[in-house]
Amino acid sequence: MTGYPSSAAIVSGDMAPVSTRVVSVRRVVVRSTPEPAAVETAIKEAEDKCASGTSGECAAAWDNVEEISAAISHKKVADAANSDPLEQFCDDNPDADECRVYDD
């Protein structure tokens, strides 16, 4: 059995589930930019989980390391994009002649 209702069940409206499975999901929300030291701490925690925990806990811990590393990387890219000196000047001096924007 595939775990999906048959086409006859779909047509007749009899949509009882064939089987159910409970999946545990852990979400990571980064509310501020993590410091590079946070990666080192997360790596240490991941190594500890892998040494003493289950494979699921180990994978979740390494996913956390990946998320923190990605957040730091994205922050570096965003900072590099905002590093134009003229942009910084215009942010500080929006009325300057160099910062005028003309509509076509």
Protein backbone atom coordinates (compact mmCIF):
# COMPACT_ATOMS: atom_id res chain seq x y z
CA MET A 1 0.00 0.00 0.00
CA THR A 2 1.35 3.44 -0.90
CA GLY A 3 -0.11 5.41 2.01
CA TYR A 4 -2.42 7.40 -0.27
CA PRO A 5 -6.16 6.85 -0.66
CA SER A 6 -7.23 5.13 -3.85
CA SER A 7 -8.77 7.11 -6.68
CA ALA A 8 -12.13 5.42 -5.94
CA ALA A 9 -11.96 6.74 -2.35
CA ILE A 10 -11.23 10.23 -3.60
CA VAL A 11 -14.17 10.17 -6.01
CA SER A 12 -16.59 8.80 -3.42
CA GLY A 13 -15.43 11.31 -0.77
CA ASP A 14 -14.18 8.64 1.63
CA MET A 15 -10.89 10.32 2.58
CA ALA A 16 -9.84 8.42 5.71
CA PRO A 17 -6.06 8.51 6.20
CA VAL A 18 -4.29 5.26 5.51
CA SER A 19 -1.52 5.87 8.04
CA THR A 20 -0.21 8.70 10.18
CA ARG A 21 3.28 9.69 11.18
CA VAL A 22 4.41 12.18 13.82
CA VAL A 23 7.33 14.36 12.80
CA SER A 24 9.22 16.57 15.22
CA VAL A 25 10.43 19.87 13.76
CA ARG A 26 12.82 22.27 15.44
CA ARG A 27 12.83 25.80 14.10
CA VAL A 28 15.73 28.18 14.50
CA VAL A 29 14.94 31.88 14.39
CA VAL A 30 17.83 34.31 14.25
CA ARG A 31 16.62 37.60 15.67
CA SER A 32 19.94 39.37 15.66
CA THR A 33 23.23 38.85 13.91
CA PRO A 34 25.26 36.24 15.78
CA GLU A 35 28.86 36.86 16.67
CA PRO A 36 31.59 34.65 15.17
CA ALA A 37 32.15 33.22 18.66
CA ALA A 38 28.61 31.81 18.48
CA VAL A 39 29.76 29.46 15.72
CA GLU A 40 32.52 28.08 17.92
CA THR A 41 30.05 27.55 20.76
CA ALA A 42 27.56 25.85 18.42
CA ILE A 43 30.30 23.57 17.05
CA LYS A 44 31.26 22.56 20.59
CA GLU A 45 27.60 21.84 21.41
CA ALA A 46 27.22 19.82 18.20
CA GLU A 47 30.29 17.74 19.00
CA ASP A 48 28.91 17.08 22.50
CA LYS A 49 25.50 16.07 21.10
CA CYS A 50 27.11 13.71 18.60
CA ALA A 51 29.21 12.11 21.32
CA SER A 52 26.34 11.54 23.75
CA GLY A 53 23.03 11.99 21.91
CA THR A 54 21.03 10.34 19.21
CA SER A 55 21.71 10.79 15.52
CA GLY A 56 18.68 13.10 15.26
CA GLU A 57 20.03 15.36 18.01
CA CYS A 58 23.44 15.34 16.33
CA ALA A 59 21.95 16.33 12.96
CA ALA A 60 19.85 19.08 14.57
CA ALA A 61 22.92 20.48 16.34
CA TRP A 62 24.91 20.60 13.09
CA ASP A 63 21.94 22.24 11.37
CA ASN A 64 22.12 24.91 14.06
CA VAL A 65 25.83 25.44 13.27
CA GLU A 66 24.97 25.78 9.59
CA GLU A 67 22.20 28.32 10.31
CA ILE A 68 24.50 30.48 12.44
CA SER A 69 27.26 30.33 9.84
CA ALA A 70 24.83 31.29 7.09
CA ALA A 71 23.51 34.24 9.12
CA ILE A 72 27.04 35.55 9.61
CA SER A 73 27.82 35.07 5.92
CA HIS A 74 24.65 36.87 4.84
CA LYS A 75 25.46 39.74 7.18
CA LYS A 76 28.92 40.08 5.61
CA VAL A 77 27.39 40.19 2.12
CA ALA A 78 24.84 42.79 3.19
CA ASP A 79 27.55 44.91 4.80
CA ALA A 80 29.67 44.72 1.64
CA ALA A 81 26.70 45.83 -0.46
CA ASN A 82 26.21 48.86 1.78
CA SER A 83 29.86 49.87 1.80
CA ASP A 84 29.62 52.36 -1.10
CA PRO A 85 31.09 55.65 0.22
CA LEU A 86 28.61 57.73 -1.78
CA GLU A 87 25.70 55.79 -0.30
CA GLN A 88 27.03 56.40 3.19
CA PHE A 89 27.56 60.09 2.41
CA CYS A 90 24.03 60.44 1.04
CA ASP A 91 22.59 58.68 4.07
CA ASP A 92 24.25 61.31 6.25
CA ASN A 93 23.63 64.26 3.87
CA PRO A 94 20.44 63.67 1.86
CA ASP A 95 20.21 67.33 0.76
CA ALA A 96 23.68 67.42 -0.83
CA ASP A 97 23.93 68.08 -4.57
CA GLU A 98 25.66 64.74 -5.11
CA CYS A 99 22.65 62.92 -3.67
CA ARG A 100 19.90 64.39 -5.83
CA VAL A 101 17.72 61.92 -7.66
CA TYR A 102 15.97 63.03 -10.82
CA ASP A 103 12.82 61.39 -12.16
CA ASP A 104 12.73 60.83 -15.90
